């Protein structure tokens, strides 16, 4: 089992003490650092800035949102960071949700699976540099021509080949996914899966991964596929106090992300048998009663998806993660949390 530092996205500004935390993660043997984006800080700039102070940590985006950039722009950024880091970059991608995609980026959210498949194909064509890149897909046609149905197209566009050679033609791509079809797509087309809100003992995702691996032309096998799971880790003598520390996180994702009836994160808890609880959590959260929403989340549900409590309890609970398909635990926190995680997980 490996460890990754999950920096996430900013809450108003850079996380306090982040330089110390990143340095400590490298010192104690973490494998990677991961940055995210939503509709504030971006995932690439902090990764380049903090990553420049490291020598060994892999630098992952967890995640870059597909709708934020054309696939060629993402391919350019990936090649650039891979060069600058000496081949340590991992491109984590995700579709996000309709509220962000349509509300922030002004793009339609339709057909996320088809768009993801098309996006990945263009990325790999850019990095392979086998010739000028073209695509006849409906979401990202290259080159754009007047018959594409978009106004103002000059007709002067021509297929282009990247002006730089990638350091690696096969930059690793991880897909963030929660629904079964998206997880199967990750297993079919990608090098890894970024998992969130995961119970390692649930068969649901194991079956979805198996479906992807079984498809013709699948890129990886279960043996060489990575699964990086975001797992809150809080060392505390009182288990319920540790649970309370992470309640706001789960309340936000179960209650406040997306729209009622279209919240992919809430669907995870619903599939785990907590539909009635989710209905109450969403109602409270959307009514502005966030503390009550957090208190309504069953402690059992949180403990199934996190590592919480005294160190000995966490070591015991860790066995389920080590026996699962998860290869890397992504934990967040300060330098002290990093040290505790390394002591417990890495020994």
C-alpha atoms as a PDB file:
ATOM      1  CA  UNK A   1       0.000   0.000   0.000  1.00  0.00           C
ATOM      2  CA  UNK A   2       1.291   3.429  -0.997  1.00  0.00           C
ATOM      3  CA  UNK A   3       0.400   6.846   0.342  1.00  0.00           C
ATOM      4  CA  UNK A   4      -0.447  10.042  -1.513  1.00  0.00           C
ATOM      5  CA  UNK A   5      -0.967  13.534  -0.137  1.00  0.00           C
ATOM      6  CA  UNK A   6      -4.360  14.873  -1.208  1.00  0.00           C
ATOM      7  CA  UNK A   7      -4.113  18.672  -1.217  1.00  0.00           C
ATOM      8  CA  UNK A   8      -7.518  19.139  -2.832  1.00  0.00           C
ATOM      9  CA  UNK A   9      -8.550  22.620  -3.897  1.00  0.00           C
ATOM     10  CA  UNK A  10      -8.189  25.824  -1.929  1.00  0.00           C
ATOM     11  CA  UNK A  11     -10.691  27.187   0.553  1.00  0.00           C
ATOM     12  CA  UNK A  12      -9.948  30.865   0.037  1.00  0.00           C
ATOM     13  CA  UNK A  13      -6.206  30.533  -0.423  1.00  0.00           C
ATOM     14  CA  UNK A  14      -3.224  28.175  -0.226  1.00  0.00           C
ATOM     15  CA  UNK A  15      -3.480  25.661   2.652  1.00  0.00           C
ATOM     16  CA  UNK A  16      -1.550  26.907   5.709  1.00  0.00           C
ATOM     17  CA  UNK A  17       1.835  25.230   6.102  1.00  0.00           C
ATOM     18  CA  UNK A  18       1.550  23.411   2.782  1.00  0.00           C
ATOM     19  CA  UNK A  19       5.247  23.724   1.936  1.00  0.00           C
ATOM     20  CA  UNK A  20       6.175  21.964   5.181  1.00  0.00           C
ATOM     21  CA  UNK A  21       3.517  19.307   4.603  1.00  0.00           C
ATOM     22  CA  UNK A  22       4.719  18.533   1.072  1.00  0.00           C
ATOM     23  CA  UNK A  23       8.342  18.343   2.234  1.00  0.00           C
ATOM     24  CA  UNK A  24       7.358  16.016   5.067  1.00  0.00           C
ATOM     25  CA  UNK A  25       5.399  13.782   2.685  1.00  0.00           C
ATOM     26  CA  UNK A  26       8.483  13.284   0.559  1.00  0.00           C
ATOM     27  CA  UNK A  27      10.712  12.762   3.597  1.00  0.00           C
ATOM     28  CA  UNK A  28       8.581  10.013   5.179  1.00  0.00           C
ATOM     29  CA  UNK A  29       8.076   8.046   1.972  1.00  0.00           C
ATOM     30  CA  UNK A  30       4.810   9.190   0.380  1.00  0.00           C
ATOM     31  CA  UNK A  31       4.496   8.187  -3.264  1.00  0.00           C
ATOM     32  CA  UNK A  32       2.609  11.196  -4.650  1.00  0.00           C
ATOM     33  CA  UNK A  33       0.898  14.553  -4.177  1.00  0.00           C
ATOM     34  CA  UNK A  34      -2.479  15.383  -5.747  1.00  0.00           C
ATOM     35  CA  UNK A  35      -4.166  18.729  -6.459  1.00  0.00           C
ATOM     36  CA  UNK A  36      -7.785  19.372  -7.453  1.00  0.00           C
ATOM     37  CA  UNK A  37      -9.921  22.076  -9.016  1.00  0.00           C
ATOM     38  CA  UNK A  38     -13.598  23.012  -8.859  1.00  0.00           C
ATOM     39  CA  UNK A  39     -14.416  26.670  -9.583  1.00  0.00           C
ATOM     40  CA  UNK A  40     -11.592  28.493  -7.806  1.00  0.00           C
ATOM     41  CA  UNK A  41      -7.963  27.354  -7.660  1.00  0.00           C
ATOM     42  CA  UNK A  42      -6.796  25.234 -10.600  1.00  0.00           C
ATOM     43  CA  UNK A  43      -5.121  21.844 -10.336  1.00  0.00           C
ATOM     44  CA  UNK A  44      -2.017  22.453 -12.430  1.00  0.00           C
ATOM     45  CA  UNK A  45      -0.399  25.637 -11.099  1.00  0.00           C
ATOM     46  CA  UNK A  46      -0.107  24.587  -7.421  1.00  0.00           C
ATOM     47  CA  UNK A  47       1.176  21.180  -8.504  1.00  0.00           C
ATOM     48  CA  UNK A  48       3.960  22.791 -10.531  1.00  0.00           C
ATOM     49  CA  UNK A  49       4.818  25.261  -7.760  1.00  0.00           C
ATOM     50  CA  UNK A  50       4.961  22.803  -4.878  1.00  0.00           C
ATOM     51  CA  UNK A  51       6.256  19.971  -7.034  1.00  0.00           C
ATOM     52  CA  UNK A  52       9.286  22.051  -8.002  1.00  0.00           C
ATOM     53  CA  UNK A  53      10.431  21.699  -4.382  1.00  0.00           C
ATOM     54  CA  UNK A  54      10.392  17.894  -4.539  1.00  0.00           C
ATOM     55  CA  UNK A  55      12.604  15.300  -6.180  1.00  0.00           C
ATOM     56  CA  UNK A  56      10.739  12.005  -5.972  1.00  0.00           C
ATOM     57  CA  UNK A  57       6.995  12.525  -5.406  1.00  0.00           C
ATOM     58  CA  UNK A  58       4.749  11.798  -8.363  1.00  0.00           C
ATOM     59  CA  UNK A  59       2.641  14.834  -9.218  1.00  0.00           C
ATOM     60  CA  UNK A  60      -1.016  14.022  -9.846  1.00  0.00           C
ATOM     61  CA  UNK A  61      -4.074  16.069 -10.709  1.00  0.00           C
ATOM     62  CA  UNK A  62      -6.983  14.885  -8.677  1.00  0.00           C
ATOM     63  CA  UNK A  63      -8.681  16.092 -10.772  1.00  0.00           C
ATOM     64  CA  UNK A  64      -8.434  18.177 -13.933  1.00  0.00           C
ATOM     65  CA  UNK A  65     -11.997  18.775 -15.134  1.00  0.00           C
ATOM     66  CA  UNK A  66     -12.603  17.777 -18.741  1.00  0.00           C
ATOM     67  CA  UNK A  67     -14.772  20.758 -19.540  1.00  0.00           C
ATOM     68  CA  UNK A  68     -12.196  23.257 -18.242  1.00  0.00           C
ATOM     69  CA  UNK A  69      -9.869  22.718 -21.208  1.00  0.00           C
ATOM     70  CA  UNK A  70      -9.896  21.385 -24.716  1.00  0.00           C
ATOM     71  CA  UNK A  71      -8.132  18.004 -24.839  1.00  0.00           C
ATOM     72  CA  UNK A  72      -5.198  19.496 -26.767  1.00  0.00           C
ATOM     73  CA  UNK A  73      -4.717  22.122 -24.020  1.00  0.00           C
ATOM     74  CA  UNK A  74      -4.705  19.396 -21.372  1.00  0.00           C
ATOM     75  CA  UNK A  75      -2.245  17.367 -23.457  1.00  0.00           C
ATOM     76  CA  UNK A  76       0.050  20.413 -23.671  1.00  0.00           C
ATOM     77  CA  UNK A  77      -0.073  20.995 -19.912  1.00  0.00           C
ATOM     78  CA  UNK A  78       0.617  17.313 -19.222  1.00  0.00           C
ATOM     79  CA  UNK A  79       3.638  17.247 -21.544  1.00  0.00           C
ATOM     80  CA  UNK A  80       4.983  20.457 -20.019  1.00  0.00           C
ATOM     81  CA  UNK A  81       4.684  19.307 -16.415  1.00  0.00           C
ATOM     82  CA  UNK A  82       6.067  15.887 -17.278  1.00  0.00           C
ATOM     83  CA  UNK A  83       9.151  17.519 -18.786  1.00  0.00           C
ATOM     84  CA  UNK A  84       9.615  19.921 -15.872  1.00  0.00           C
ATOM     85  CA  UNK A  85       9.252  17.153 -13.276  1.00  0.00           C
ATOM     86  CA  UNK A  86      11.464  14.614 -15.009  1.00  0.00           C
ATOM     87  CA  UNK A  87       8.632  12.209 -15.789  1.00  0.00           C
ATOM     88  CA  UNK A  88       6.711  12.373 -12.501  1.00  0.00           C
ATOM     89  CA  UNK A  89       3.371  13.672 -13.777  1.00  0.00           C
ATOM     90  CA  UNK A  90       0.082  11.741 -13.531  1.00  0.00           C
ATOM     91  CA  UNK A  91      -2.967  13.173 -15.277  1.00  0.00           C
ATOM     92  CA  UNK A  92      -6.098  12.640 -13.220  1.00  0.00           C
ATOM     93  CA  UNK A  93      -9.245  13.508 -15.196  1.00  0.00           C
ATOM     94  CA  UNK A  94     -12.902  13.757 -14.310  1.00  0.00           C
ATOM     95  CA  UNK A  95     -16.171  14.909 -15.830  1.00  0.00           C
ATOM     96  CA  UNK A  96     -17.296  16.896 -12.758  1.00  0.00           C
ATOM     97  CA  UNK A  97     -21.075  17.527 -12.652  1.00  0.00           C
ATOM     98  CA  UNK A  98     -23.692  19.510 -14.534  1.00  0.00           C
ATOM     99  CA  UNK A  99     -23.798  22.401 -12.056  1.00  0.00           C
ATOM    100  CA  UNK A 100     -20.094  23.155 -12.522  1.00  0.00           C
ATOM    101  CA  UNK A 101     -19.825  22.191 -16.183  1.00  0.00           C
ATOM    102  CA  UNK A 102     -22.827  24.204 -17.327  1.00  0.00           C
ATOM    103  CA  UNK A 103     -22.752  26.881 -14.627  1.00  0.00           C
ATOM    104  CA  UNK A 104     -19.014  27.631 -14.525  1.00  0.00           C
ATOM    105  CA  UNK A 105     -17.640  26.508 -17.873  1.00  0.00           C
ATOM    106  CA  UNK A 106     -20.758  27.134 -19.932  1.00  0.00           C
ATOM    107  CA  UNK A 107     -20.531  23.752 -21.614  1.00  0.00           C
ATOM    108  CA  UNK A 108     -23.241  21.086 -22.006  1.00  0.00           C
ATOM    109  CA  UNK A 109     -22.912  18.098 -19.680  1.00  0.00           C
ATOM    110  CA  UNK A 110     -24.493  15.617 -22.082  1.00  0.00           C
ATOM    111  CA  UNK A 111     -22.914  12.221 -22.839  1.00  0.00           C
ATOM    112  CA  UNK A 112     -20.003  12.348 -20.350  1.00  0.00           C
ATOM    113  CA  UNK A 113     -18.917   8.776 -21.157  1.00  0.00           C
ATOM    114  CA  UNK A 114     -18.662   9.439 -24.900  1.00  0.00           C
ATOM    115  CA  UNK A 115     -16.902  12.760 -24.294  1.00  0.00           C
ATOM    116  CA  UNK A 116     -14.384  11.096 -21.990  1.00  0.00           C
ATOM    117  CA  UNK A 117     -13.587   8.387 -24.532  1.00  0.00           C
ATOM    118  CA  UNK A 118     -13.108  11.001 -27.261  1.00  0.00           C
ATOM    119  CA  UNK A 119     -10.992  13.206 -24.972  1.00  0.00           C
ATOM    120  CA  UNK A 120      -8.663  10.340 -24.052  1.00  0.00           C
ATOM    121  CA  UNK A 121      -8.171   9.425 -27.703  1.00  0.00           C
ATOM    122  CA  UNK A 122      -7.022  12.937 -28.562  1.00  0.00           C
ATOM    123  CA  UNK A 123      -4.649  13.082 -25.585  1.00  0.00           C
ATOM    124  CA  UNK A 124      -2.925   9.899 -26.648  1.00  0.00           C
ATOM    125  CA  UNK A 125      -2.732  10.995 -30.290  1.00  0.00           C
ATOM    126  CA  UNK A 126      -1.019  14.231 -29.223  1.00  0.00           C
ATOM    127  CA  UNK A 127       1.504  12.403 -27.031  1.00  0.00           C
ATOM    128  CA  UNK A 128       2.190   9.691 -29.613  1.00  0.00           C
ATOM    129  CA  UNK A 129       3.130  12.446 -32.066  1.00  0.00           C
ATOM    130  CA  UNK A 130       2.627  10.101 -34.990  1.00  0.00           C
ATOM    131  CA  UNK A 131       1.377  12.892 -37.217  1.00  0.00           C
ATOM    132  CA  UNK A 132      -1.046  15.822 -37.274  1.00  0.00           C
ATOM    133  CA  UNK A 133      -3.903  15.248 -34.844  1.00  0.00           C
ATOM    134  CA  UNK A 134      -7.395  14.877 -36.253  1.00  0.00           C
ATOM    135  CA  UNK A 135     -10.646  13.810 -34.667  1.00  0.00           C
ATOM    136  CA  UNK A 136     -14.069  13.321 -36.195  1.00  0.00           C
ATOM    137  CA  UNK A 137     -15.843  13.052 -32.855  1.00  0.00           C
ATOM    138  CA  UNK A 138     -18.854  15.255 -32.216  1.00  0.00           C
ATOM    139  CA  UNK A 139     -17.544  16.791 -28.975  1.00  0.00           C
ATOM    140  CA  UNK A 140     -14.013  17.781 -30.022  1.00  0.00           C
ATOM    141  CA  UNK A 141     -13.731  17.888 -33.832  1.00  0.00           C
ATOM    142  CA  UNK A 142     -10.208  18.576 -35.103  1.00  0.00           C
ATOM    143  CA  UNK A 143      -9.699  20.575 -37.195  1.00  0.00           C
ATOM    144  CA  UNK A 144     -12.839  22.637 -36.814  1.00  0.00           C
ATOM    145  CA  UNK A 145     -14.480  23.143 -40.195  1.00  0.00           C
ATOM    146  CA  UNK A 146     -17.449  25.233 -41.387  1.00  0.00           C
ATOM    147  CA  UNK A 147     -19.600  22.123 -41.741  1.00  0.00           C
ATOM    148  CA  UNK A 148     -19.302  21.482 -37.968  1.00  0.00           C
ATOM    149  CA  UNK A 149     -22.359  23.679 -37.537  1.00  0.00           C
ATOM    150  CA  UNK A 150     -20.692  26.309 -35.361  1.00  0.00           C
ATOM    151  CA  UNK A 151     -20.927  29.979 -36.348  1.00  0.00           C
ATOM    152  CA  UNK A 152     -17.879  32.027 -37.254  1.00  0.00           C
ATOM    153  CA  UNK A 153     -15.623  29.183 -38.402  1.00  0.00           C
ATOM    154  CA  UNK A 154     -13.098  30.518 -40.936  1.00  0.00           C
ATOM    155  CA  UNK A 155     -12.310  27.210 -42.591  1.00  0.00           C
ATOM    156  CA  UNK A 156      -8.578  27.925 -42.278  1.00  0.00           C
ATOM    157  CA  UNK A 157      -7.871  25.419 -39.535  1.00  0.00           C
ATOM    158  CA  UNK A 158      -5.528  22.580 -40.387  1.00  0.00           C
ATOM    159  CA  UNK A 159      -4.365  19.459 -38.545  1.00  0.00           C
ATOM    160  CA  UNK A 160      -1.290  20.115 -36.382  1.00  0.00           C
ATOM    161  CA  UNK A 161       1.319  18.017 -34.657  1.00  0.00           C
ATOM    162  CA  UNK A 162       2.719  18.985 -31.252  1.00  0.00           C
ATOM    163  CA  UNK A 163       5.731  21.249 -31.626  1.00  0.00           C
ATOM    164  CA  UNK A 164       7.508  19.479 -28.743  1.00  0.00           C
ATOM    165  CA  UNK A 165       8.288  15.847 -28.209  1.00  0.00           C
ATOM    166  CA  UNK A 166       6.850  14.487 -24.962  1.00  0.00           C
ATOM    167  CA  UNK A 167       9.303  13.216 -22.400  1.00  0.00           C
ATOM    168  CA  UNK A 168       7.047  10.144 -22.212  1.00  0.00           C
ATOM    169  CA  UNK A 169       4.660   9.186 -24.982  1.00  0.00           C
ATOM    170  CA  UNK A 170       2.619   7.230 -22.440  1.00  0.00           C
ATOM    171  CA  UNK A 171       1.829   9.698 -19.652  1.00  0.00           C
ATOM    172  CA  UNK A 172      -0.302   7.887 -17.041  1.00  0.00           C
ATOM    173  CA  UNK A 173      -3.977   8.827 -17.033  1.00  0.00           C
ATOM    174  CA  UNK A 174      -6.274   8.148 -14.079  1.00  0.00           C
ATOM    175  CA  UNK A 175     -10.016   8.659 -14.299  1.00  0.00           C
ATOM    176  CA  UNK A 176     -12.091   9.882 -11.362  1.00  0.00           C
ATOM    177  CA  UNK A 177     -15.402   8.052 -11.391  1.00  0.00           C
ATOM    178  CA  UNK A 178     -18.214   6.952  -9.084  1.00  0.00           C
ATOM    179  CA  UNK A 179     -20.867   5.409 -11.316  1.00  0.00           C
ATOM    180  CA  UNK A 180     -20.402   1.821 -12.537  1.00  0.00           C
ATOM    181  CA  UNK A 181     -20.165   2.763 -16.222  1.00  0.00           C
ATOM    182  CA  UNK A 182     -17.497   5.382 -15.542  1.00  0.00           C
ATOM    183  CA  UNK A 183     -15.490   2.994 -13.367  1.00  0.00           C
ATOM    184  CA  UNK A 184     -15.634   0.342 -16.084  1.00  0.00           C
ATOM    185  CA  UNK A 185     -14.440   2.971 -18.570  1.00  0.00           C
ATOM    186  CA  UNK A 186     -11.469   3.736 -16.316  1.00  0.00           C
ATOM    187  CA  UNK A 187     -10.508   0.057 -16.254  1.00  0.00           C
ATOM    188  CA  UNK A 188     -10.870  -0.211 -20.010  1.00  0.00           C
ATOM    189  CA  UNK A 189      -9.051   2.930 -21.168  1.00  0.00           C
ATOM    190  CA  UNK A 190      -6.909   4.289 -18.337  1.00  0.00           C
ATOM    191  CA  UNK A 191      -3.927   3.451 -16.165  1.00  0.00           C
ATOM    192  CA  UNK A 192      -5.727   4.041 -12.893  1.00  0.00           C
ATOM    193  CA  UNK A 193      -8.915   5.021 -11.126  1.00  0.00           C
ATOM    194  CA  UNK A 194      -9.312   7.838  -8.591  1.00  0.00           C
ATOM    195  CA  UNK A 195     -11.894   6.611  -6.107  1.00  0.00           C
ATOM    196  CA  UNK A 196     -13.852   8.677  -3.629  1.00  0.00           C
ATOM    197  CA  UNK A 197     -16.386   7.749  -0.941  1.00  0.00           C
ATOM    198  CA  UNK A 198     -15.336   4.115  -1.100  1.00  0.00           C
ATOM    199  CA  UNK A 199     -16.015   1.143   1.151  1.00  0.00           C
ATOM    200  CA  UNK A 200     -13.227  -1.338   0.325  1.00  0.00           C
ATOM    201  CA  UNK A 201     -15.404  -4.328   1.249  1.00  0.00           C
ATOM    202  CA  UNK A 202     -18.191  -3.486  -1.221  1.00  0.00           C
ATOM    203  CA  UNK A 203     -18.295  -5.750  -4.301  1.00  0.00           C
ATOM    204  CA  UNK A 204     -19.980  -3.073  -6.399  1.00  0.00           C
ATOM    205  CA  UNK A 205     -16.812  -1.432  -7.702  1.00  0.00           C
ATOM    206  CA  UNK A 206     -14.855  -4.655  -8.009  1.00  0.00           C
ATOM    207  CA  UNK A 207     -17.505  -5.865 -10.441  1.00  0.00           C
ATOM    208  CA  UNK A 208     -17.416  -2.583 -12.398  1.00  0.00           C
ATOM    209  CA  UNK A 209     -13.630  -2.793 -12.710  1.00  0.00           C
ATOM    210  CA  UNK A 210     -13.853  -6.420 -13.838  1.00  0.00           C
ATOM    211  CA  UNK A 211     -16.305  -5.371 -16.558  1.00  0.00           C
ATOM    212  CA  UNK A 212     -13.806  -2.832 -17.905  1.00  0.00           C
ATOM    213  CA  UNK A 213     -10.848  -5.206 -17.795  1.00  0.00           C
ATOM    214  CA  UNK A 214     -12.828  -7.816 -19.751  1.00  0.00           C
ATOM    215  CA  UNK A 215     -13.446  -5.547 -22.751  1.00  0.00           C
ATOM    216  CA  UNK A 216     -11.585  -6.078 -26.005  1.00  0.00           C
ATOM    217  CA  UNK A 217      -8.501  -3.904 -26.176  1.00  0.00           C
ATOM    218  CA  UNK A 218      -8.491  -3.053 -22.459  1.00  0.00           C
ATOM    219  CA  UNK A 219      -5.363  -1.045 -21.724  1.00  0.00           C
ATOM    220  CA  UNK A 220      -4.446  -2.679 -18.410  1.00  0.00           C
ATOM    221  CA  UNK A 221      -4.976  -5.804 -16.351  1.00  0.00           C
ATOM    222  CA  UNK A 222      -5.941  -5.869 -12.665  1.00  0.00           C
ATOM    223  CA  UNK A 223      -2.296  -6.576 -11.838  1.00  0.00           C
ATOM    224  CA  UNK A 224      -0.893  -3.368 -13.370  1.00  0.00           C
ATOM    225  CA  UNK A 225      -3.838  -1.044 -12.790  1.00  0.00           C
ATOM    226  CA  UNK A 226      -3.664   1.548 -10.002  1.00  0.00           C
ATOM    227  CA  UNK A 227      -6.483   2.607  -7.722  1.00  0.00           C
ATOM    228  CA  UNK A 228      -5.910   5.765  -5.702  1.00  0.00           C
ATOM    229  CA  UNK A 229      -8.624   6.144  -3.053  1.00  0.00           C
ATOM    230  CA  UNK A 230      -9.348   9.357  -1.155  1.00  0.00           C
ATOM    231  CA  UNK A 231      -9.544   8.193   2.468  1.00  0.00           C
ATOM    232  CA  UNK A 232      -9.859  10.562   5.441  1.00  0.00           C
ATOM    233  CA  UNK A 233      -7.405   9.500   8.156  1.00  0.00           C
ATOM    234  CA  UNK A 234      -7.710  10.947  11.661  1.00  0.00           C
ATOM    235  CA  UNK A 235      -5.753   9.562  14.608  1.00  0.00           C
ATOM    236  CA  UNK A 236      -7.654  10.259  17.831  1.00  0.00           C
ATOM    237  CA  UNK A 237      -8.233   8.371  21.080  1.00  0.00           C
ATOM    238  CA  UNK A 238     -11.988   8.960  20.772  1.00  0.00           C
ATOM    239  CA  UNK A 239     -13.496   7.329  17.681  1.00  0.00           C
ATOM    240  CA  UNK A 240     -16.626   9.485  17.660  1.00  0.00           C
ATOM    241  CA  UNK A 241     -14.561  12.647  18.032  1.00  0.00           C
ATOM    242  CA  UNK A 242     -12.585  11.538  14.973  1.00  0.00           C
ATOM    243  CA  UNK A 243     -15.857  10.895  13.113  1.00  0.00           C
ATOM    244  CA  UNK A 244     -17.052  14.392  14.039  1.00  0.00           C
ATOM    245  CA  UNK A 245     -13.888  15.860  12.499  1.00  0.00           C
ATOM    246  CA  UNK A 246     -14.856  14.596   9.041  1.00  0.00           C
ATOM    247  CA  UNK A 247     -18.638  14.986   9.235  1.00  0.00           C
ATOM    248  CA  UNK A 248     -18.601  18.369   7.411  1.00  0.00           C
ATOM    249  CA  UNK A 249     -16.760  16.773   4.486  1.00  0.00           C
ATOM    250  CA  UNK A 250     -19.361  14.030   4.048  1.00  0.00           C
ATOM    251  CA  UNK A 251     -22.231  16.442   4.644  1.00  0.00           C
ATOM    252  CA  UNK A 252     -20.962  18.641   1.811  1.00  0.00           C
ATOM    253  CA  UNK A 253     -20.656  15.775  -0.659  1.00  0.00           C
ATOM    254  CA  UNK A 254     -23.816  13.885   0.306  1.00  0.00           C
ATOM    255  CA  UNK A 255     -25.924  16.972   0.904  1.00  0.00           C
ATOM    256  CA  UNK A 256     -24.575  19.946  -0.996  1.00  0.00           C
ATOM    257  CA  UNK A 257     -22.785  18.771  -4.127  1.00  0.00           C
ATOM    258  CA  UNK A 258     -24.788  18.697  -7.325  1.00  0.00           C
ATOM    259  CA  UNK A 259     -28.555  19.071  -7.186  1.00  0.00           C
ATOM    260  CA  UNK A 260     -31.136  17.050  -5.306  1.00  0.00           C
ATOM    261  CA  UNK A 261     -31.820  14.018  -7.460  1.00  0.00           C
ATOM    262  CA  UNK A 262     -28.610  14.570  -9.468  1.00  0.00           C
ATOM    263  CA  UNK A 263     -25.837  14.136  -6.888  1.00  0.00           C
ATOM    264  CA  UNK A 264     -23.378  11.445  -7.949  1.00  0.00           C
ATOM    265  CA  UNK A 265     -21.737  11.453  -4.501  1.00  0.00           C
ATOM    266  CA  UNK A 266     -25.020  10.894  -2.697  1.00  0.00           C
ATOM    267  CA  UNK A 267     -25.687   7.942  -5.003  1.00  0.00           C
ATOM    268  CA  UNK A 268     -22.718   6.165  -3.429  1.00  0.00           C
ATOM    269  CA  UNK A 269     -24.356   6.185   0.008  1.00  0.00           C
ATOM    270  CA  UNK A 270     -27.708   5.265  -1.522  1.00  0.00           C
ATOM    271  CA  UNK A 271     -26.164   2.183  -3.162  1.00  0.00           C
ATOM    272  CA  UNK A 272     -24.744   1.258   0.256  1.00  0.00           C
ATOM    273  CA  UNK A 273     -28.269   1.199   1.719  1.00  0.00           C
ATOM    274  CA  UNK A 274     -28.557   4.656   3.258  1.00  0.00           C
ATOM    275  CA  UNK A 275     -31.209   6.207   1.011  1.00  0.00           C
ATOM    276  CA  UNK A 276     -33.424   7.431   3.859  1.00  0.00           C
ATOM    277  CA  UNK A 277     -30.445   9.025   5.585  1.00  0.00           C
ATOM    278  CA  UNK A 278     -29.342  10.705   2.355  1.00  0.00           C
ATOM    279  CA  UNK A 279     -32.804  12.205   1.832  1.00  0.00           C
ATOM    280  CA  UNK A 280     -32.654  13.762   5.288  1.00  0.00           C
ATOM    281  CA  UNK A 281     -29.035  14.923   4.903  1.00  0.00           C
ATOM    282  CA  UNK A 282     -29.836  16.632   1.591  1.00  0.00           C
ATOM    283  CA  UNK A 283     -32.976  18.274   2.935  1.00  0.00           C
ATOM    284  CA  UNK A 284     -31.117  19.694   5.929  1.00  0.00           C
ATOM    285  CA  UNK A 285     -28.095  20.809   3.956  1.00  0.00           C
ATOM    286  CA  UNK A 286     -30.049  22.503   1.195  1.00  0.00           C
ATOM    287  CA  UNK A 287     -32.128  24.242   3.876  1.00  0.00           C
ATOM    288  CA  UNK A 288     -28.932  25.805   5.225  1.00  0.00           C
ATOM    289  CA  UNK A 289     -28.818  23.563   8.325  1.00  0.00           C
ATOM    290  CA  UNK A 290     -25.359  22.205   7.621  1.00  0.00           C
ATOM    291  CA  UNK A 291     -24.481  21.208  11.185  1.00  0.00           C
ATOM    292  CA  UNK A 292     -27.678  19.203  11.478  1.00  0.00           C
ATOM    293  CA  UNK A 293     -26.980  17.570   8.125  1.00  0.00           C
ATOM    294  CA  UNK A 294     -23.545  16.506   9.340  1.00  0.00           C
ATOM    295  CA  UNK A 295     -24.972  15.141  12.587  1.00  0.00           C
ATOM    296  CA  UNK A 296     -27.526  13.083  10.601  1.00  0.00           C
ATOM    297  CA  UNK A 297     -24.828  10.988   8.893  1.00  0.00           C
ATOM    298  CA  UNK A 298     -24.516   7.593  10.607  1.00  0.00           C
ATOM    299  CA  UNK A 299     -21.139   7.070  12.233  1.00  0.00           C
ATOM    300  CA  UNK A 300     -21.075   3.547  10.767  1.00  0.00           C
ATOM    301  CA  UNK A 301     -21.335   4.912   7.228  1.00  0.00           C
ATOM    302  CA  UNK A 302     -18.419   7.286   7.758  1.00  0.00           C
ATOM    303  CA  UNK A 303     -16.259   4.612   9.375  1.00  0.00           C
ATOM    304  CA  UNK A 304     -16.822   2.307   6.398  1.00  0.00           C
ATOM    305  CA  UNK A 305     -15.156   4.878   4.136  1.00  0.00           C
ATOM    306  CA  UNK A 306     -12.475   6.350   6.413  1.00  0.00           C
ATOM    307  CA  UNK A 307      -9.687   5.395   8.796  1.00  0.00           C
ATOM    308  CA  UNK A 308     -10.551   6.957  12.147  1.00  0.00           C
ATOM    309  CA  UNK A 309      -9.731   6.530  15.833  1.00  0.00           C
ATOM    310  CA  UNK A 310      -6.749   5.237  17.822  1.00  0.00           C
ATOM    311  CA  UNK A 311      -3.710   4.059  15.873  1.00  0.00           C
ATOM    312  CA  UNK A 312      -4.339   0.399  16.756  1.00  0.00           C
ATOM    313  CA  UNK A 313      -7.919   0.603  15.451  1.00  0.00           C
ATOM    314  CA  UNK A 314      -6.717   2.212  12.220  1.00  0.00           C
ATOM    315  CA  UNK A 315      -4.132  -0.556  11.784  1.00  0.00           C
ATOM    316  CA  UNK A 316      -6.901  -3.118  12.220  1.00  0.00           C
ATOM    317  CA  UNK A 317      -9.239  -1.351   9.794  1.00  0.00           C
ATOM    318  CA  UNK A 318      -6.395  -0.889   7.304  1.00  0.00           C
ATOM    319  CA  UNK A 319      -6.413  -4.627   6.590  1.00  0.00           C
ATOM    320  CA  UNK A 320      -9.630  -4.303   4.589  1.00  0.00           C
ATOM    321  CA  UNK A 321      -8.006  -1.682   2.363  1.00  0.00           C
ATOM    322  CA  UNK A 322      -4.858  -3.754   1.923  1.00  0.00           C
ATOM    323  CA  UNK A 323      -6.955  -6.775   0.899  1.00  0.00           C
ATOM    324  CA  UNK A 324      -8.906  -4.742  -1.662  1.00  0.00           C
ATOM    325  CA  UNK A 325      -8.057  -3.481  -5.155  1.00  0.00           C
ATOM    326  CA  UNK A 326      -6.827  -0.157  -3.710  1.00  0.00           C
ATOM    327  CA  UNK A 327      -3.122   0.504  -4.311  1.00  0.00           C
ATOM    328  CA  UNK A 328      -2.734   4.033  -2.880  1.00  0.00           C
ATOM    329  CA  UNK A 329      -4.438   5.823  -0.002  1.00  0.00           C
ATOM    330  CA  UNK A 330      -4.828   9.554  -0.612  1.00  0.00           C
ATOM    331  CA  UNK A 331      -4.895  11.335   2.747  1.00  0.00           C
ATOM    332  CA  UNK A 332      -5.178  15.016   3.545  1.00  0.00           C
ATOM    333  CA  UNK A 333      -3.951  17.004   6.510  1.00  0.00           C
ATOM    334  CA  UNK A 334      -0.939  18.779   7.939  1.00  0.00           C
ATOM    335  CA  UNK A 335       2.630  17.601   8.459  1.00  0.00           C
ATOM    336  CA  UNK A 336       1.693  15.811  11.683  1.00  0.00           C
ATOM    337  CA  UNK A 337      -1.060  13.850   9.909  1.00  0.00           C
ATOM    338  CA  UNK A 338       1.453  12.929   7.213  1.00  0.00           C
ATOM    339  CA  UNK A 339       3.844  11.576   9.843  1.00  0.00           C
ATOM    340  CA  UNK A 340       1.074   9.601  11.561  1.00  0.00           C
ATOM    341  CA  UNK A 341      -0.124   8.119   8.283  1.00  0.00           C
ATOM    342  CA  UNK A 342       3.379   7.042   7.322  1.00  0.00           C
ATOM    343  CA  UNK A 343       3.977   5.402  10.691  1.00  0.00           C
ATOM    344  CA  UNK A 344       0.721   3.454  10.563  1.00  0.00           C
ATOM    345  CA  UNK A 345       0.552   2.534   6.867  1.00  0.00           C
ATOM    346  CA  UNK A 346       4.200   2.300   5.839  1.00  0.00           C
ATOM    347  CA  UNK A 347       5.581   1.101   9.177  1.00  0.00           C
END
